[in-house]
Amino acid sequence: MWVAIALVLVAAGMRVVGVVAGVNVLRGLPKNRTTIGAALIDTATEVASGFGIAVTGTILAALFTGDIAKSNWSTQQTAQFQEAVTIAGLALTAVAGVLVGWAILRTRSAATSAIR
């Protein structure tokens, strides 16, 4: 139940952040380049989603033993699933944090270069 609630919150947050980020990207483009910008935003969204699914699936496959589609999990399998989801979430959060930090540093250095 908690995993489902967390996934709903993450999906809602991604939609809000994605829309704001997309609008900001499109505002920064010349009018004749907005179509290309929209395509790049869609591509980035798809690549990021695919990466997240691949990382989560790999971690889950590495830590979970047995049939994940089976309806009655043992206590050990439930613990393995919870551990895998937690590790995958932390790994994706760390990657996102590094990317955001890199973007902030890159933007600041570009802004200070433009001022000079």
PDB file of N, CA and C in Angstrom:
ATOM      1  N   MET A   1       0.825  -1.199   0.000  1.00  0.00           N
ATOM      2  CA  MET A   1       0.000   0.000   0.000  1.00  0.00           C
ATOM      3  C   MET A   1       0.865   1.256   0.000  1.00  0.00           C
ATOM      4  N   TRP A   2       1.926   1.249   0.825  1.00  0.00           N
ATOM      5  CA  TRP A   2       2.794   2.433   0.909  1.00  0.00           C
ATOM      6  C   TRP A   2       3.546   2.669  -0.389  1.00  0.00           C
ATOM      7  N   VAL A   3       3.905   1.598  -1.059  1.00  0.00           N
ATOM      8  CA  VAL A   3       4.597   1.741  -2.350  1.00  0.00           C
ATOM      9  C   VAL A   3       3.664   2.386  -3.367  1.00  0.00           C
ATOM     10  N   ALA A   4       2.411   1.974  -3.383  1.00  0.00           N
ATOM     11  CA  ALA A   4       1.443   2.557  -4.315  1.00  0.00           C
ATOM     12  C   ALA A   4       1.240   4.045  -4.039  1.00  0.00           C
ATOM     13  N   ILE A   5       1.137   4.409  -2.787  1.00  0.00           N
ATOM     14  CA  ILE A   5       0.976   5.823  -2.427  1.00  0.00           C
ATOM     15  C   ILE A   5       2.208   6.618  -2.847  1.00  0.00           C
ATOM     16  N   ALA A   6       3.387   6.052  -2.602  1.00  0.00           N
ATOM     17  CA  ALA A   6       4.633   6.732  -2.986  1.00  0.00           C
ATOM     18  C   ALA A   6       4.708   6.909  -4.496  1.00  0.00           C
ATOM     19  N   LEU A   7       4.304   5.892  -5.255  1.00  0.00           N
ATOM     20  CA  LEU A   7       4.337   5.992  -6.714  1.00  0.00           C
ATOM     21  C   LEU A   7       3.371   7.058  -7.230  1.00  0.00           C
ATOM     22  N   VAL A   8       2.217   7.160  -6.618  1.00  0.00           N
ATOM     23  CA  VAL A   8       1.259   8.204  -7.017  1.00  0.00           C
ATOM     24  C   VAL A   8       1.839   9.594  -6.740  1.00  0.00           C
ATOM     25  N   LEU A   9       2.458   9.766  -5.581  1.00  0.00           N
ATOM     26  CA  LEU A   9       3.064  11.058  -5.248  1.00  0.00           C
ATOM     27  C   LEU A   9       4.222  11.399  -6.182  1.00  0.00           C
ATOM     28  N   VAL A  10       5.038  10.417  -6.503  1.00  0.00           N
ATOM     29  CA  VAL A  10       6.156  10.645  -7.428  1.00  0.00           C
ATOM     30  C   VAL A  10       5.627  11.016  -8.817  1.00  0.00           C
ATOM     31  N   ALA A  11       4.624  10.296  -9.289  1.00  0.00           N
ATOM     32  CA  ALA A  11       4.054  10.598 -10.608  1.00  0.00           C
ATOM     33  C   ALA A  11       3.464  12.007 -10.646  1.00  0.00           C
ATOM     34  N   ALA A  12       2.753  12.381  -9.596  1.00  0.00           N
ATOM     35  CA  ALA A  12       2.180  13.732  -9.545  1.00  0.00           C
ATOM     36  C   ALA A  12       3.291  14.783  -9.514  1.00  0.00           C
ATOM     37  N   GLY A  13       4.319  14.549  -8.723  1.00  0.00           N
ATOM     38  CA  GLY A  13       5.435  15.485  -8.661  1.00  0.00           C
ATOM     39  C   GLY A  13       6.157  15.608  -9.984  1.00  0.00           C
ATOM     40  N   MET A  14       6.341  14.480 -10.677  1.00  0.00           N
ATOM     41  CA  MET A  14       7.009  14.514 -11.979  1.00  0.00           C
ATOM     42  C   MET A  14       6.194  15.309 -12.989  1.00  0.00           C
ATOM     43  N   ARG A  15       4.899  15.191 -12.942  1.00  0.00           N
ATOM     44  CA  ARG A  15       4.049  15.931 -13.878  1.00  0.00           C
ATOM     45  C   ARG A  15       4.145  17.435 -13.618  1.00  0.00           C
ATOM     46  N   VAL A  16       4.101  17.816 -12.366  1.00  0.00           N
ATOM     47  CA  VAL A  16       4.176  19.247 -12.024  1.00  0.00           C
ATOM     48  C   VAL A  16       5.534  19.808 -12.423  1.00  0.00           C
ATOM     49  N   VAL A  17       6.602  19.131 -12.033  1.00  0.00           N
ATOM     50  CA  VAL A  17       7.951  19.605 -12.344  1.00  0.00           C
ATOM     51  C   VAL A  17       8.204  19.560 -13.843  1.00  0.00           C
ATOM     52  N   GLY A  18       7.737  18.507 -14.497  1.00  0.00           N
ATOM     53  CA  GLY A  18       7.934  18.379 -15.939  1.00  0.00           C
ATOM     54  C   GLY A  18       7.277  19.484 -16.729  1.00  0.00           C
ATOM     55  N   VAL A  19       6.083  19.859 -16.343  1.00  0.00           N
ATOM     56  CA  VAL A  19       5.379  20.936 -17.044  1.00  0.00           C
ATOM     57  C   VAL A  19       6.103  22.262 -16.848  1.00  0.00           C
ATOM     58  N   VAL A  20       6.497  22.545 -15.626  1.00  0.00           N
ATOM     59  CA  VAL A  20       7.203  23.802 -15.342  1.00  0.00           C
ATOM     60  C   VAL A  20       8.527  23.847 -16.099  1.00  0.00           C
ATOM     61  N   ALA A  21       9.281  22.754 -16.060  1.00  0.00           N
ATOM     62  CA  ALA A  21      10.566  22.710 -16.763  1.00  0.00           C
ATOM     63  C   ALA A  21      10.366  22.854 -18.272  1.00  0.00           C
ATOM     64  N   GLY A  22       9.378  22.163 -18.809  1.00  0.00           N
ATOM     65  CA  GLY A  22       9.099  22.257 -20.241  1.00  0.00           C
ATOM     66  C   GLY A  22       8.723  23.654 -20.680  1.00  0.00           C
ATOM     67  N   VAL A  23       7.884  24.316 -19.909  1.00  0.00           N
ATOM     68  CA  VAL A  23       7.486  25.686 -20.232  1.00  0.00           C
ATOM     69  C   VAL A  23       8.700  26.615 -20.193  1.00  0.00           C
ATOM     70  N   ASN A  24       9.554  26.439 -19.198  1.00  0.00           N
ATOM     71  CA  ASN A  24      10.750  27.282 -19.105  1.00  0.00           C
ATOM     72  C   ASN A  24      11.699  27.052 -20.275  1.00  0.00           C
ATOM     73  N   VAL A  25      11.843  25.822 -20.704  1.00  0.00           N
ATOM     74  CA  VAL A  25      12.692  25.541 -21.860  1.00  0.00           C
ATOM     75  C   VAL A  25      12.111  26.204 -23.103  1.00  0.00           C
ATOM     76  N   LEU A  26      10.824  26.059 -23.307  1.00  0.00           N
ATOM     77  CA  LEU A  26      10.197  26.635 -24.496  1.00  0.00           C
ATOM     78  C   LEU A  26      10.219  28.164 -24.479  1.00  0.00           C
ATOM     79  N   ARG A  27      10.123  28.767 -23.304  1.00  0.00           N
ATOM     80  CA  ARG A  27      10.209  30.232 -23.208  1.00  0.00           C
ATOM     81  C   ARG A  27      11.585  30.747 -23.615  1.00  0.00           C
ATOM     82  N   GLY A  28      12.610  29.948 -23.375  1.00  0.00           N
ATOM     83  CA  GLY A  28      13.970  30.369 -23.685  1.00  0.00           C
ATOM     84  C   GLY A  28      14.353  30.181 -25.141  1.00  0.00           C
ATOM     85  N   LEU A  29      13.479  29.579 -25.916  1.00  0.00           N
ATOM     86  CA  LEU A  29      13.790  29.320 -27.324  1.00  0.00           C
ATOM     87  C   LEU A  29      13.169  30.383 -28.227  1.00  0.00           C
ATOM     88  N   PRO A  30      13.804  30.631 -29.373  1.00  0.00           N
ATOM     89  CA  PRO A  30      13.165  31.511 -30.360  1.00  0.00           C
ATOM     90  C   PRO A  30      11.879  30.858 -30.869  1.00  0.00           C
ATOM     91  N   LYS A  31      10.965  31.671 -31.348  1.00  0.00           N
ATOM     92  CA  LYS A  31       9.652  31.165 -31.804  1.00  0.00           C
ATOM     93  C   LYS A  31       9.775  30.078 -32.871  1.00  0.00           C
ATOM     94  N   ASN A  32      10.764  30.212 -33.752  1.00  0.00           N
ATOM     95  CA  ASN A  32      10.885  29.231 -34.836  1.00  0.00           C
ATOM     96  C   ASN A  32      11.572  27.934 -34.392  1.00  0.00           C
ATOM     97  N   ARG A  33      11.919  27.787 -33.118  1.00  0.00           N
ATOM     98  CA  ARG A  33      12.578  26.581 -32.605  1.00  0.00           C
ATOM     99  C   ARG A  33      11.748  25.849 -31.543  1.00  0.00           C
ATOM    100  N   THR A  34      10.537  26.302 -31.301  1.00  0.00           N
ATOM    101  CA  THR A  34       9.744  25.681 -30.234  1.00  0.00           C
ATOM    102  C   THR A  34       9.341  24.242 -30.570  1.00  0.00           C
ATOM    103  N   THR A  35       9.156  23.937 -31.830  1.00  0.00           N
ATOM    104  CA  THR A  35       8.810  22.562 -32.206  1.00  0.00           C
ATOM    105  C   THR A  35       9.959  21.622 -31.882  1.00  0.00           C
ATOM    106  N   ILE A  36      11.160  22.034 -32.195  1.00  0.00           N
ATOM    107  CA  ILE A  36      12.333  21.223 -31.882  1.00  0.00           C
ATOM    108  C   ILE A  36      12.484  21.105 -30.369  1.00  0.00           C
ATOM    109  N   GLY A  37      12.254  22.194 -29.651  1.00  0.00           N
ATOM    110  CA  GLY A  37      12.337  22.168 -28.192  1.00  0.00           C
ATOM    111  C   GLY A  37      11.332  21.205 -27.581  1.00  0.00           C
ATOM    112  N   ALA A  38      10.107  21.216 -28.095  1.00  0.00           N
ATOM    113  CA  ALA A  38       9.077  20.297 -27.585  1.00  0.00           C
ATOM    114  C   ALA A  38       9.467  18.845 -27.846  1.00  0.00           C
ATOM    115  N   ALA A  39      10.038  18.582 -29.018  1.00  0.00           N
ATOM    116  CA  ALA A  39      10.483  17.223 -29.334  1.00  0.00           C
ATOM    117  C   ALA A  39      11.620  16.795 -28.402  1.00  0.00           C
ATOM    118  N   LEU A  40      12.533  17.706 -28.107  1.00  0.00           N
ATOM    119  CA  LEU A  40      13.633  17.375 -27.193  1.00  0.00           C
ATOM    120  C   LEU A  40      13.126  17.128 -25.776  1.00  0.00           C
ATOM    121  N   ILE A  41      12.139  17.888 -25.350  1.00  0.00           N
ATOM    122  CA  ILE A  41      11.551  17.674 -24.023  1.00  0.00           C
ATOM    123  C   ILE A  41      10.900  16.293 -23.956  1.00  0.00           C
ATOM    124  N   ASP A  42      10.138  15.936 -24.983  1.00  0.00           N
ATOM    125  CA  ASP A  42       9.501  14.612 -25.022  1.00  0.00           C
ATOM    126  C   ASP A  42      10.542  13.495 -25.021  1.00  0.00           C
ATOM    127  N   THR A  43      11.602  13.686 -25.795  1.00  0.00           N
ATOM    128  CA  THR A  43      12.653  12.673 -25.856  1.00  0.00           C
ATOM    129  C   THR A  43      13.342  12.518 -24.500  1.00  0.00           C
ATOM    130  N   ALA A  44      13.653  13.629 -23.872  1.00  0.00           N
ATOM    131  CA  ALA A  44      14.300  13.575 -22.555  1.00  0.00           C
ATOM    132  C   ALA A  44      13.404  12.877 -21.535  1.00  0.00           C
ATOM    133  N   THR A  45      12.111  13.141 -21.591  1.00  0.00           N
ATOM    134  CA  THR A  45      11.165  12.492 -20.679  1.00  0.00           C
ATOM    135  C   THR A  45      11.148  10.982 -20.895  1.00  0.00           C
ATOM    136  N   GLU A  46      11.107  10.561 -22.149  1.00  0.00           N
ATOM    137  CA  GLU A  46      11.084   9.129 -22.452  1.00  0.00           C
ATOM    138  C   GLU A  46      12.380   8.441 -22.040  1.00  0.00           C
ATOM    139  N   VAL A  47      13.516   9.083 -22.300  1.00  0.00           N
ATOM    140  CA  VAL A  47      14.808   8.498 -21.926  1.00  0.00           C
ATOM    141  C   VAL A  47      14.916   8.382 -20.401  1.00  0.00           C
ATOM    142  N   ALA A  48      14.508   9.425 -19.693  1.00  0.00           N
ATOM    143  CA  ALA A  48      14.569   9.405 -18.226  1.00  0.00           C
ATOM    144  C   ALA A  48      13.647   8.330 -17.654  1.00  0.00           C
ATOM    145  N   SER A  49      12.456   8.191 -18.220  1.00  0.00           N
ATOM    146  CA  SER A  49      11.531   7.150 -17.756  1.00  0.00           C
ATOM    147  C   SER A  49      12.108   5.758 -18.008  1.00  0.00           C
ATOM    148  N   GLY A  50      12.656   5.556 -19.189  1.00  0.00           N
ATOM    149  CA  GLY A  50      13.269   4.271 -19.516  1.00  0.00           C
ATOM    150  C   GLY A  50      14.440   3.949 -18.602  1.00  0.00           C
ATOM    151  N   PHE A  51      15.259   4.956 -18.301  1.00  0.00           N
ATOM    152  CA  PHE A  51      16.388   4.767 -17.403  1.00  0.00           C
ATOM    153  C   PHE A  51      15.898   4.376 -16.006  1.00  0.00           C
ATOM    154  N   GLY A  52      14.883   5.070 -15.526  1.00  0.00           N
ATOM    155  CA  GLY A  52      14.340   4.773 -14.197  1.00  0.00           C
ATOM    156  C   GLY A  52      13.776   3.366 -14.112  1.00  0.00           C
ATOM    157  N   ILE A  53      13.068   2.947 -15.138  1.00  0.00           N
ATOM    158  CA  ILE A  53      12.503   1.595 -15.158  1.00  0.00           C
ATOM    159  C   ILE A  53      13.620   0.550 -15.231  1.00  0.00           C
ATOM    160  N   ALA A  54      14.640   0.822 -16.041  1.00  0.00           N
ATOM    161  CA  ALA A  54      15.751  -0.123 -16.168  1.00  0.00           C
ATOM    162  C   ALA A  54      16.511  -0.270 -14.853  1.00  0.00           C
ATOM    163  N   VAL A  55      16.792   0.839 -14.197  1.00  0.00           N
ATOM    164  CA  VAL A  55      17.521   0.784 -12.922  1.00  0.00           C
ATOM    165  C   VAL A  55      16.687   0.060 -11.870  1.00  0.00           C
ATOM    166  N   THR A  56      15.426   0.427 -11.755  1.00  0.00           N
ATOM    167  CA  THR A  56      14.555  -0.201 -10.766  1.00  0.00           C
ATOM    168  C   THR A  56      14.398  -1.697 -11.036  1.00  0.00           C
ATOM    169  N   GLY A  57      14.177  -2.059 -12.288  1.00  0.00           N
ATOM    170  CA  GLY A  57      14.027  -3.466 -12.641  1.00  0.00           C
ATOM    171  C   GLY A  57      15.282  -4.271 -12.389  1.00  0.00           C
ATOM    172  N   THR A  58      16.438  -3.682 -12.670  1.00  0.00           N
ATOM    173  CA  THR A  58      17.708  -4.375 -12.443  1.00  0.00           C
ATOM    174  C   THR A  58      17.940  -4.622 -10.958  1.00  0.00           C
ATOM    175  N   ILE A  59      17.697  -3.600 -10.152  1.00  0.00           N
ATOM    176  CA  ILE A  59      17.881  -3.752  -8.704  1.00  0.00           C
ATOM    177  C   ILE A  59      16.875  -4.761  -8.141  1.00  0.00           C
ATOM    178  N   LEU A  60      15.645  -4.697  -8.606  1.00  0.00           N
ATOM    179  CA  LEU A  60      14.629  -5.642  -8.147  1.00  0.00           C
ATOM    180  C   LEU A  60      15.002  -7.072  -8.543  1.00  0.00           C
ATOM    181  N   ALA A  61      15.466  -7.258  -9.765  1.00  0.00           N
ATOM    182  CA  ALA A  61      15.861  -8.595 -10.220  1.00  0.00           C
ATOM    183  C   ALA A  61      17.060  -9.127  -9.440  1.00  0.00           C
ATOM    184  N   ALA A  62      17.950  -8.227  -9.042  1.00  0.00           N
ATOM    185  CA  ALA A  62      19.138  -8.657  -8.298  1.00  0.00           C
ATOM    186  C   ALA A  62      18.816  -9.034  -6.851  1.00  0.00           C
ATOM    187  N   LEU A  63      17.815  -8.404  -6.260  1.00  0.00           N
ATOM    188  CA  LEU A  63      17.545  -8.602  -4.831  1.00  0.00           C
ATOM    189  C   LEU A  63      16.350  -9.498  -4.518  1.00  0.00           C
ATOM    190  N   PHE A  64      15.464  -9.708  -5.490  1.00  0.00           N
ATOM    191  CA  PHE A  64      14.236 -10.475  -5.233  1.00  0.00           C
ATOM    192  C   PHE A  64      14.399 -11.887  -5.772  1.00  0.00           C
ATOM    193  N   THR A  65      14.156 -12.891  -4.928  1.00  0.00           N
ATOM    194  CA  THR A  65      14.207 -14.283  -5.377  1.00  0.00           C
ATOM    195  C   THR A  65      12.793 -14.837  -5.483  1.00  0.00           C
ATOM    196  N   GLY A  66      12.592 -15.663  -6.480  1.00  0.00           N
ATOM    197  CA  GLY A  66      11.277 -16.256  -6.660  1.00  0.00           C
ATOM    198  C   GLY A  66      10.504 -15.572  -7.771  1.00  0.00           C
ATOM    199  N   ASP A  67       9.228 -15.920  -7.841  1.00  0.00           N
ATOM    200  CA  ASP A  67       8.335 -15.409  -8.878  1.00  0.00           C
ATOM    201  C   ASP A  67       7.643 -14.145  -8.374  1.00  0.00           C
ATOM    202  N   ILE A  68       7.931 -13.013  -8.994  1.00  0.00           N
ATOM    203  CA  ILE A  68       7.353 -11.748  -8.534  1.00  0.00           C
ATOM    204  C   ILE A  68       5.852 -11.677  -8.845  1.00  0.00           C
ATOM    205  N   ALA A  69       5.407 -12.443  -9.845  1.00  0.00           N
ATOM    206  CA  ALA A  69       3.994 -12.428 -10.212  1.00  0.00           C
ATOM    207  C   ALA A  69       3.146 -13.353  -9.334  1.00  0.00           C
ATOM    208  N   LYS A  70       3.791 -14.131  -8.489  1.00  0.00           N
ATOM    209  CA  LYS A  70       3.084 -15.039  -7.585  1.00  0.00           C
ATOM    210  C   LYS A  70       2.278 -14.219  -6.576  1.00  0.00           C
ATOM    211  N   SER A  71       1.099 -14.669  -6.248  1.00  0.00           N
ATOM    212  CA  SER A  71       0.219 -13.869  -5.381  1.00  0.00           C
ATOM    213  C   SER A  71       0.574 -13.962  -3.899  1.00  0.00           C
ATOM    214  N   ASN A  72       1.083 -15.054  -3.449  1.00  0.00           N
ATOM    215  CA  ASN A  72       1.384 -15.211  -2.015  1.00  0.00           C
ATOM    216  C   ASN A  72       2.886 -15.207  -1.783  1.00  0.00           C
ATOM    217  N   TRP A  73       3.418 -14.062  -1.419  1.00  0.00           N
ATOM    218  CA  TRP A  73       4.851 -13.954  -1.150  1.00  0.00           C
ATOM    219  C   TRP A  73       5.133 -14.409   0.272  1.00  0.00           C
ATOM    220  N   SER A  74       6.332 -14.916   0.449  1.00  0.00           N
ATOM    221  CA  SER A  74       6.774 -15.252   1.796  1.00  0.00           C
ATOM    222  C   SER A  74       7.203 -13.966   2.503  1.00  0.00           C
ATOM    223  N   THR A  75       7.427 -14.056   3.786  1.00  0.00           N
ATOM    224  CA  THR A  75       7.896 -12.899   4.552  1.00  0.00           C
ATOM    225  C   THR A  75       9.248 -12.430   4.027  1.00  0.00           C
ATOM    226  N   GLN A  76      10.094 -13.379   3.661  1.00  0.00           N
ATOM    227  CA  GLN A  76      11.414 -13.043   3.118  1.00  0.00           C
ATOM    228  C   GLN A  76      11.282 -12.300   1.787  1.00  0.00           C
ATOM    229  N   GLN A  77      10.381 -12.741   0.917  1.00  0.00           N
ATOM    230  CA  GLN A  77      10.191 -12.076  -0.369  1.00  0.00           C
ATOM    231  C   GLN A  77       9.632 -10.667  -0.191  1.00  0.00           C
ATOM    232  N   THR A  78       8.740 -10.505   0.746  1.00  0.00           N
ATOM    233  CA  THR A  78       8.198  -9.178   1.019  1.00  0.00           C
ATOM    234  C   THR A  78       9.308  -8.243   1.482  1.00  0.00           C
ATOM    235  N   ALA A  79      10.167  -8.725   2.351  1.00  0.00           N
ATOM    236  CA  ALA A  79      11.296  -7.920   2.825  1.00  0.00           C
ATOM    237  C   ALA A  79      12.259  -7.611   1.682  1.00  0.00           C
ATOM    238  N   GLN A  80      12.498  -8.585   0.815  1.00  0.00           N
ATOM    239  CA  GLN A  80      13.377  -8.354  -0.332  1.00  0.00           C
ATOM    240  C   GLN A  80      12.804  -7.295  -1.265  1.00  0.00           C
ATOM    241  N   PHE A  81      11.500  -7.368  -1.508  1.00  0.00           N
ATOM    242  CA  PHE A  81      10.853  -6.390  -2.378  1.00  0.00           C
ATOM    243  C   PHE A  81      10.960  -4.990  -1.781  1.00  0.00           C
ATOM    244  N   GLN A  82      10.668  -4.868  -0.508  1.00  0.00           N
ATOM    245  CA  GLN A  82      10.753  -3.558   0.145  1.00  0.00           C
ATOM    246  C   GLN A  82      12.174  -3.012   0.101  1.00  0.00           C
ATOM    247  N   GLU A  83      13.149  -3.880   0.331  1.00  0.00           N
ATOM    248  CA  GLU A  83      14.553  -3.454   0.276  1.00  0.00           C
ATOM    249  C   GLU A  83      14.931  -3.013  -1.137  1.00  0.00           C
ATOM    250  N   ALA A  84      14.509  -3.775  -2.137  1.00  0.00           N
ATOM    251  CA  ALA A  84      14.832  -3.443  -3.529  1.00  0.00           C
ATOM    252  C   ALA A  84      14.208  -2.115  -3.944  1.00  0.00           C
ATOM    253  N   VAL A  85      12.959  -1.902  -3.571  1.00  0.00           N
ATOM    254  CA  VAL A  85      12.287  -0.650  -3.921  1.00  0.00           C
ATOM    255  C   VAL A  85      12.961   0.534  -3.219  1.00  0.00           C
ATOM    256  N   THR A  86      13.340   0.342  -1.978  1.00  0.00           N
ATOM    257  CA  THR A  86      14.024   1.407  -1.233  1.00  0.00           C
ATOM    258  C   THR A  86      15.373   1.736  -1.864  1.00  0.00           C
ATOM    259  N   ILE A  87      16.151   0.716  -2.179  1.00  0.00           N
ATOM    260  CA  ILE A  87      17.470   0.941  -2.780  1.00  0.00           C
ATOM    261  C   ILE A  87      17.323   1.591  -4.158  1.00  0.00           C
ATOM    262  N   ALA A  88      16.379   1.111  -4.953  1.00  0.00           N
ATOM    263  CA  ALA A  88      16.160   1.694  -6.277  1.00  0.00           C
ATOM    264  C   ALA A  88      15.737   3.160  -6.161  1.00  0.00           C
ATOM    265  N   GLY A  89      14.844   3.451  -5.233  1.00  0.00           N
ATOM    266  CA  GLY A  89      14.421   4.835  -5.029  1.00  0.00           C
ATOM    267  C   GLY A  89      15.562   5.736  -4.604  1.00  0.00           C
ATOM    268  N   LEU A  90      16.392   5.237  -3.700  1.00  0.00           N
ATOM    269  CA  LEU A  90      17.548   6.021  -3.255  1.00  0.00           C
ATOM    270  C   LEU A  90      18.563   6.216  -4.380  1.00  0.00           C
ATOM    271  N   ALA A  91      18.777   5.175  -5.182  1.00  0.00           N
ATOM    272  CA  ALA A  91      19.718   5.283  -6.297  1.00  0.00           C
ATOM    273  C   ALA A  91      19.241   6.307  -7.323  1.00  0.00           C
ATOM    274  N   LEU A  92      17.963   6.246  -7.669  1.00  0.00           N
ATOM    275  CA  LEU A  92      17.420   7.208  -8.642  1.00  0.00           C
ATOM    276  C   LEU A  92      17.425   8.623  -8.078  1.00  0.00           C
ATOM    277  N   THR A  93      17.154   8.758  -6.787  1.00  0.00           N
ATOM    278  CA  THR A  93      17.193  10.073  -6.153  1.00  0.00           C
ATOM    279  C   THR A  93      18.608  10.635  -6.175  1.00  0.00           C
ATOM    280  N   ALA A  94      19.591   9.781  -5.919  1.00  0.00           N
ATOM    281  CA  ALA A  94      20.992  10.225  -5.946  1.00  0.00           C
ATOM    282  C   ALA A  94      21.397  10.668  -7.350  1.00  0.00           C
ATOM    283  N   VAL A  95      21.018   9.892  -8.357  1.00  0.00           N
ATOM    284  CA  VAL A  95      21.340  10.268  -9.744  1.00  0.00           C
ATOM    285  C   VAL A  95      20.669  11.592 -10.103  1.00  0.00           C
ATOM    286  N   ALA A  96      19.402  11.750  -9.728  1.00  0.00           N
ATOM    287  CA  ALA A  96      18.700  12.999 -10.012  1.00  0.00           C
ATOM    288  C   ALA A  96      19.366  14.171  -9.302  1.00  0.00           C
ATOM    289  N   GLY A  97      19.772  13.972  -8.056  1.00  0.00           N
ATOM    290  CA  GLY A  97      20.444  15.024  -7.307  1.00  0.00           C
ATOM    291  C   GLY A  97      21.757  15.438  -7.947  1.00  0.00           C
ATOM    292  N   VAL A  98      22.524  14.462  -8.405  1.00  0.00           N
ATOM    293  CA  VAL A  98      23.794  14.768  -9.080  1.00  0.00           C
ATOM    294  C   VAL A  98      23.534  15.549 -10.363  1.00  0.00           C
ATOM    295  N   LEU A  99      22.537  15.136 -11.131  1.00  0.00           N
ATOM    296  CA  LEU A  99      22.220  15.849 -12.371  1.00  0.00           C
ATOM    297  C   LEU A  99      21.750  17.276 -12.106  1.00  0.00           C
ATOM    298  N   VAL A 100      20.933  17.467 -11.084  1.00  0.00           N
ATOM    299  CA  VAL A 100      20.478  18.814 -10.734  1.00  0.00           C
ATOM    300  C   VAL A 100      21.654  19.672 -10.278  1.00  0.00           C
ATOM    301  N   GLY A 101      22.531  19.118  -9.451  1.00  0.00           N
ATOM    302  CA  GLY A 101      23.716  19.853  -9.006  1.00  0.00           C
ATOM    303  C   GLY A 101      24.607  20.240 -10.173  1.00  0.00           C
ATOM    304  N   TRP A 102      24.815  19.300 -11.086  1.00  0.00           N
ATOM    305  CA  TRP A 102      25.619  19.583 -12.274  1.00  0.00           C
ATOM    306  C   TRP A 102      24.990  20.703 -13.103  1.00  0.00           C
ATOM    307  N   ALA A 103      23.667  20.649 -13.281  1.00  0.00           N
ATOM    308  CA  ALA A 103      22.984  21.678 -14.061  1.00  0.00           C
ATOM    309  C   ALA A 103      23.084  23.049 -13.388  1.00  0.00           C
ATOM    310  N   ILE A 104      22.967  23.079 -12.067  1.00  0.00           N
ATOM    311  CA  ILE A 104      23.084  24.352 -11.347  1.00  0.00           C
ATOM    312  C   ILE A 104      24.482  24.931 -11.534  1.00  0.00           C
ATOM    313  N   LEU A 105      25.501  24.103 -11.375  1.00  0.00           N
ATOM    314  CA  LEU A 105      26.881  24.581 -11.550  1.00  0.00           C
ATOM    315  C   LEU A 105      27.129  25.045 -12.983  1.00  0.00           C
ATOM    316  N   ARG A 106      26.630  24.309 -13.927  1.00  0.00           N
ATOM    317  CA  ARG A 106      26.809  24.666 -15.343  1.00  0.00           C
ATOM    318  C   ARG A 106      26.092  25.971 -15.664  1.00  0.00           C
ATOM    319  N   THR A 107      24.892  26.140 -15.149  1.00  0.00           N
ATOM    320  CA  THR A 107      24.128  27.359 -15.396  1.00  0.00           C
ATOM    321  C   THR A 107      24.803  28.561 -14.758  1.00  0.00           C
ATOM    322  N   ARG A 108      25.286  28.401 -13.544  1.00  0.00           N
ATOM    323  CA  ARG A 108      25.961  29.513 -12.860  1.00  0.00           C
ATOM    324  C   ARG A 108      27.245  29.907 -13.575  1.00  0.00           C
ATOM    325  N   SER A 109      28.009  28.920 -14.023  1.00  0.00           N
ATOM    326  CA  SER A 109      29.250  29.259 -14.714  1.00  0.00           C
ATOM    327  C   SER A 109      28.958  29.924 -16.052  1.00  0.00           C
ATOM    328  N   ALA A 110      27.891  29.518 -16.732  1.00  0.00           N
ATOM    329  CA  ALA A 110      27.506  30.158 -17.991  1.00  0.00           C
ATOM    330  C   ALA A 110      27.018  31.579 -17.741  1.00  0.00           C
ATOM    331  N   ALA A 111      26.294  31.787 -16.631  1.00  0.00           N
ATOM    332  CA  ALA A 111      25.795  33.124 -16.299  1.00  0.00           C
ATOM    333  C   ALA A 111      26.937  34.066 -15.946  1.00  0.00           C
ATOM    334  N   THR A 112      27.922  33.574 -15.202  1.00  0.00           N
ATOM    335  CA  THR A 112      29.046  34.450 -14.844  1.00  0.00           C
ATOM    336  C   THR A 112      29.920  34.725 -16.051  1.00  0.00           C
ATOM    337  N   SER A 113      30.017  33.793 -16.997  1.00  0.00           N
ATOM    338  CA  SER A 113      30.763  34.024 -18.227  1.00  0.00           C
ATOM    339  C   SER A 113      30.080  35.070 -19.084  1.00  0.00           C
ATOM    340  N   ALA A 114      28.760  35.064 -19.089  1.00  0.00           N
ATOM    341  CA  ALA A 114      27.999  36.025 -19.896  1.00  0.00           C
ATOM    342  C   ALA A 114      28.115  37.428 -19.322  1.00  0.00           C
ATOM    343  N   ILE A 115      28.250  37.540 -18.003  1.00  0.00           N
ATOM    344  CA  ILE A 115      28.359  38.845 -17.353  1.00  0.00           C
ATOM    345  C   ILE A 115      29.711  39.490 -17.670  1.00  0.00           C
ATOM    346  N   ARG A 116      30.738  38.690 -17.766  1.00  0.00           N
ATOM    347  CA  ARG A 116      32.087  39.208 -18.021  1.00  0.00           C
ATOM    348  C   ARG A 116      32.188  39.642 -19.405  1.00  0.00           C
TER     349      ARG A 116
END
